[in-house]
Every structure is written in C-alpha cells, then in structure tokens.
Amino acid sequence: MDVRSRVLAGVARQLGHPQGVVGRLVGAGLNRGNGRAVEAAVDAASVVAGASVADLGFGGGVGLSLLLDRVGPSGTVHGVEVSEEMLLAARRRHSAAVATGRLVLHRASLDRLPLPETSLDGLVTTNTVYFLDDLTQVFAEMARVLAPSGSAVVGIGDPEAMAKLPFTGYGFRLRAVDDVLASARAAGLELRSHERVGDGARPFHILALGPTH
C-alpha cells in the first residue's frame, strides 16, 4: 500500500471509529461538516419537550446538543457510541447534563442497543450506515426500542456523491437509498418521509421511519 493509500485508509478508519488526538480533531470536523444534516435529522424526528430520545453513533456530538435543547429539562437524551474518545468528549462538553441524568451515554454498537423495548419517542443516526455490516439487524434494534408512535431518522450522504470521495473506497459500505429502505422494511420500519438536503456536490438524504403497524 502506497503512502496516499495508507493516509486515506487512516482517514476512513478515524471516520468510522475516532481515536486519540486525531480522533478528537475528526470529531470537531464532523460537527462542522455535518451540522446542517444533523439539524435536518433532528427536525425530521419532531422531538418535543419531555421526550426520551437518542442519537446513535453521535460522533462529534452536535446532535446531542440539539436534542438536549429540544427535550428541555424534563426530557432525556441517550447517546450511543463505540468510540471512547467521542464518549469522553461528550462527557466533558455536557458534564452538567450527564450529572443530572438528562444525558445518558452508552458505549455500545448499534446492533445491540443497551435500551429497553419501546423506551424511545425518537432517535436519529447520521453517517453511520457506511460502517455497519448487518443493517437489517441495526434497524431491528431501532424498531425494538421505539415506542409505537416513535420516529427513527436516518441521515446518509448521497451514495453516488460519496463514491467520488477519495477515502470511501477504504472500508465504507455505500448503499443505495432503496437498499437502505429495503433493510428498514425487513426490520419492521416503514418510510414516513424522505427529504433531500443540499443541492451541491454532497447532497444528503434524511429518511424518517416509523414502526410498521
């Protein structure tokens, strides 16, 4: 593997699982680069005051801040991450919310969520599907933890645009939107709305899903 390939492979690894000093820098970059998409996902989840919600694979943590603002002092936000570096950053940034129990952080993978059945009014996850092998199992876990009226919002970069990025050839699983929706349906989640964010070189898809009744 040449130098360029090693660098790009390292970037891809850090995006999937930020670690160390570089991981902290990646987290900050994710907040800047994905802020608009994460905000659109939170909007699509229709989070209300007092709700119990989650950000799955929260990365740099901008989604945690948005959700805490939406649920207010009587609500609860759960953050699920595999990266200890991102968990530590979230604990520092939101120490008061963690101390009062408004923010509960979990180190866990998305295919085994540490949450009870029907415990969430809503959840968001953005830019995570590229790093998941069994997407149907992840969607099944989302369906399990959602209340019957709850909403799961999945944000993904447009796969054609993502394929043009130099680092996505190193371990990213780029799926067509229709394939993502097929996995959701197989797990008991149906599409409620599909919003496209941005018309530039890197458009984003916001998929709002709900339990099949």
Protein backbone atom coordinates (compact mmCIF):
# COMPACT_ATOMS: atom_id res chain seq x y z
CA MET A 1 0.00 0.00 0.00
CA ASP A 2 1.49 3.35 -1.03
CA VAL A 3 1.64 6.46 1.15
CA ARG A 4 -1.53 8.01 -0.30
CA SER A 5 -3.50 4.80 0.21
CA ARG A 6 -2.27 4.49 3.81
CA VAL A 7 -3.34 8.06 4.55
CA LEU A 8 -6.78 7.58 3.01
CA ALA A 9 -7.26 4.28 4.81
CA GLY A 10 -6.35 6.03 8.07
CA VAL A 11 -8.88 8.77 7.40
CA ALA A 12 -11.58 6.15 6.74
CA ARG A 13 -10.75 4.32 9.98
CA GLN A 14 -10.92 7.52 12.00
CA LEU A 15 -14.27 8.47 10.49
CA GLY A 16 -15.68 5.08 11.46
CA HIS A 17 -14.07 4.94 14.91
CA PRO A 18 -12.31 8.17 16.04
CA GLN A 19 -9.37 7.54 18.37
CA GLY A 20 -6.67 9.59 20.06
CA VAL A 21 -5.67 13.15 19.21
CA VAL A 22 -6.54 12.63 15.55
CA GLY A 23 -9.92 11.31 16.60
CA ARG A 24 -10.64 14.46 18.57
CA LEU A 25 -9.81 16.54 15.51
CA VAL A 26 -12.04 14.31 13.40
CA GLY A 27 -14.89 14.81 15.87
CA ALA A 28 -14.59 18.57 15.61
CA GLY A 29 -14.52 18.30 11.84
CA LEU A 30 -17.63 16.13 11.84
CA ASN A 31 -19.51 18.77 13.80
CA ARG A 32 -18.59 21.43 11.27
CA GLY A 33 -19.15 19.33 8.18
CA ASN A 34 -22.32 17.54 9.23
CA GLY A 35 -24.06 20.23 11.27
CA ARG A 36 -26.70 21.05 8.68
CA ALA A 37 -27.52 17.40 8.02
CA VAL A 38 -27.74 16.55 11.72
CA GLU A 39 -30.02 19.52 12.34
CA ALA A 40 -32.26 18.36 9.49
CA ALA A 41 -32.40 14.88 11.03
CA VAL A 42 -33.37 16.27 14.44
CA ASP A 43 -36.05 18.42 12.80
CA ALA A 44 -37.45 15.37 11.00
CA ALA A 45 -37.66 13.45 14.28
CA SER A 46 -40.19 16.03 15.57
CA VAL A 47 -38.69 15.95 19.05
CA VAL A 48 -40.85 17.59 21.73
CA ALA A 49 -40.18 18.76 25.27
CA GLY A 50 -40.10 15.97 27.82
CA ALA A 51 -39.37 13.25 25.26
CA SER A 52 -36.94 10.36 25.60
CA VAL A 53 -34.70 10.29 22.52
CA ALA A 54 -31.35 9.00 21.31
CA ASP A 55 -28.50 9.84 18.95
CA LEU A 56 -26.94 6.61 17.71
CA GLY A 57 -23.29 6.91 16.70
CA PHE A 58 -23.23 10.57 17.71
CA GLY A 59 -19.61 11.21 16.68
CA GLY A 60 -18.64 14.82 17.37
CA GLY A 61 -21.79 15.29 19.43
CA VAL A 62 -23.59 18.16 17.69
CA GLY A 63 -26.74 16.02 17.66
CA LEU A 64 -26.62 15.61 21.43
CA SER A 65 -26.64 19.38 21.88
CA LEU A 66 -29.58 19.81 19.53
CA LEU A 67 -31.58 17.04 21.18
CA LEU A 68 -30.91 18.35 24.69
CA ASP A 69 -32.25 21.73 23.61
CA ARG A 70 -35.37 20.14 22.10
CA VAL A 71 -36.33 17.86 25.01
CA GLY A 72 -35.69 20.53 27.65
CA PRO A 73 -35.14 19.97 31.37
CA SER A 74 -37.82 17.28 31.66
CA GLY A 75 -36.57 15.10 28.79
CA THR A 76 -33.81 12.52 28.42
CA VAL A 77 -31.23 12.08 25.68
CA HIS A 78 -29.32 8.83 25.20
CA GLY A 79 -26.05 8.87 23.27
CA VAL A 80 -24.70 5.59 21.90
CA GLU A 81 -21.13 5.39 20.57
CA VAL A 82 -18.40 2.80 20.03
CA SER A 83 -15.63 5.40 20.25
CA GLU A 84 -14.38 6.02 23.77
CA GLU A 85 -12.76 9.23 22.53
CA MET A 86 -16.13 10.62 21.44
CA LEU A 87 -17.74 9.48 24.68
CA LEU A 88 -15.09 11.26 26.74
CA ALA A 89 -15.55 14.44 24.70
CA ALA A 90 -19.32 14.28 25.20
CA ARG A 91 -18.91 13.79 28.96
CA ARG A 92 -16.70 16.86 29.15
CA ARG A 93 -18.90 19.02 26.95
CA HIS A 94 -22.16 18.05 28.63
CA SER A 95 -20.98 17.35 32.18
CA ALA A 96 -23.95 19.13 33.77
CA ALA A 97 -26.49 17.20 31.70
CA VAL A 98 -24.72 13.93 32.49
CA ALA A 99 -24.66 14.74 36.20
CA THR A 100 -28.42 15.39 36.30
CA GLY A 101 -29.30 12.36 34.18
CA ARG A 102 -30.63 14.41 31.28
CA LEU A 103 -27.90 12.87 29.09
CA VAL A 104 -27.09 9.17 29.40
CA LEU A 105 -24.06 7.96 27.45
CA HIS A 106 -23.54 4.35 26.42
CA ARG A 107 -20.55 2.63 24.87
CA ALA A 108 -22.21 0.10 22.59
CA SER A 109 -22.63 -0.97 18.99
CA LEU A 110 -25.79 -0.11 17.11
CA ASP A 111 -26.73 -3.74 16.52
CA ARG A 112 -27.11 -4.29 20.29
CA LEU A 113 -28.63 -1.18 21.80
CA PRO A 114 -28.48 -1.01 25.63
CA LEU A 115 -32.03 0.34 25.85
CA PRO A 116 -35.37 -1.24 26.87
CA GLU A 117 -38.11 -2.06 24.40
CA THR A 118 -40.41 0.82 23.35
CA SER A 119 -38.42 3.22 25.55
CA LEU A 120 -37.75 5.97 22.97
CA ASP A 121 -40.03 8.58 21.46
CA GLY A 122 -37.48 9.20 18.71
CA LEU A 123 -33.95 8.58 17.56
CA VAL A 124 -31.53 9.93 14.99
CA THR A 125 -28.44 8.47 13.38
CA THR A 126 -26.39 10.21 10.70
CA ASN A 127 -23.45 8.99 8.65
CA THR A 128 -23.35 5.63 10.41
CA VAL A 129 -24.73 3.16 7.85
CA TYR A 130 -21.42 3.10 5.96
CA PHE A 131 -19.78 1.30 8.89
CA LEU A 132 -22.49 -1.28 9.63
CA ASP A 133 -22.29 -4.82 8.26
CA ASP A 134 -25.80 -6.05 9.13
CA LEU A 135 -28.06 -3.08 8.51
CA THR A 136 -31.26 -5.10 8.94
CA GLN A 137 -30.18 -6.08 12.47
CA VAL A 138 -29.49 -2.44 13.32
CA PHE A 139 -32.91 -1.42 12.04
CA ALA A 140 -34.47 -4.26 14.05
CA GLU A 141 -32.86 -2.81 17.17
CA MET A 142 -34.24 0.63 16.30
CA ALA A 143 -37.71 -0.87 15.87
CA ARG A 144 -37.37 -2.67 19.21
CA VAL A 145 -36.51 0.42 21.26
CA LEU A 146 -39.00 2.78 19.57
CA ALA A 147 -42.43 3.47 21.02
CA PRO A 148 -45.26 2.64 18.58
CA SER A 149 -45.64 6.31 17.69
CA GLY A 150 -41.88 6.97 17.66
CA SER A 151 -39.73 8.09 14.75
CA ALA A 152 -36.29 6.86 13.63
CA VAL A 153 -34.47 9.29 11.37
CA VAL A 154 -31.53 8.04 9.32
CA GLY A 155 -29.25 10.53 7.55
CA ILE A 156 -26.98 9.34 4.76
CA GLY A 157 -24.86 11.03 2.16
CA ASP A 158 -25.96 10.53 -1.42
CA PRO A 159 -24.21 7.27 -2.40
CA GLU A 160 -23.19 8.50 -5.86
CA ALA A 161 -21.60 11.60 -4.35
CA MET A 162 -19.99 9.58 -1.56
CA ALA A 163 -18.42 7.22 -4.09
CA LYS A 164 -16.47 10.15 -5.55
CA LEU A 165 -14.73 10.92 -2.25
CA PRO A 166 -11.16 9.58 -2.12
CA PHE A 167 -11.43 7.77 1.22
CA THR A 168 -14.73 5.89 0.80
CA GLY A 169 -13.01 3.09 -1.08
CA TYR A 170 -11.32 2.06 2.17
CA GLY A 171 -13.94 0.16 4.16
CA PHE A 172 -17.06 2.23 3.56
CA ARG A 173 -20.22 0.29 2.67
CA LEU A 174 -22.09 2.58 0.29
CA ARG A 175 -25.70 1.51 -0.13
CA ALA A 176 -28.34 2.85 -2.48
CA VAL A 177 -31.20 4.62 -0.72
CA ASP A 178 -33.61 1.93 -1.94
CA ASP A 179 -31.41 -0.76 -0.39
CA VAL A 180 -31.37 1.09 2.93
CA LEU A 181 -35.16 1.32 2.85
CA ALA A 182 -35.46 -2.37 1.98
CA SER A 183 -33.44 -3.25 5.09
CA ALA A 184 -35.66 -0.97 7.17
CA ARG A 185 -38.84 -2.63 5.86
CA ALA A 186 -37.42 -6.09 6.57
CA ALA A 187 -36.87 -4.99 10.17
CA GLY A 188 -40.39 -3.58 10.65
CA LEU A 189 -39.83 0.09 9.87
CA GLU A 190 -41.67 1.95 7.13
CA LEU A 191 -40.81 5.20 5.38
CA ARG A 192 -42.75 8.24 6.55
CA SER A 193 -40.82 10.97 4.74
CA HIS A 194 -37.74 11.42 2.56
CA GLU A 195 -36.06 14.81 2.46
CA ARG A 196 -33.06 15.74 0.35
CA VAL A 197 -30.76 18.29 1.98
CA GLY A 198 -28.45 20.35 -0.20
CA ASP A 199 -28.17 20.59 -3.97
CA GLY A 200 -24.39 20.93 -4.22
CA ALA A 201 -21.66 18.36 -4.65
CA ARG A 202 -22.57 16.48 -1.45
CA PRO A 203 -26.35 16.17 -1.08
CA PHE A 204 -27.78 14.34 1.90
CA HIS A 205 -30.83 12.12 2.39
CA ILE A 206 -32.97 12.34 5.54
CA LEU A 207 -35.15 9.23 5.92
CA ALA A 208 -37.83 9.38 8.62
CA LEU A 209 -39.04 5.89 9.56
CA GLY A 210 -41.68 4.57 11.91
CA PRO A 211 -42.72 1.15 13.20
CA THR A 212 -44.95 -0.84 10.87
CA HIS A 213 -48.44 -1.13 12.33
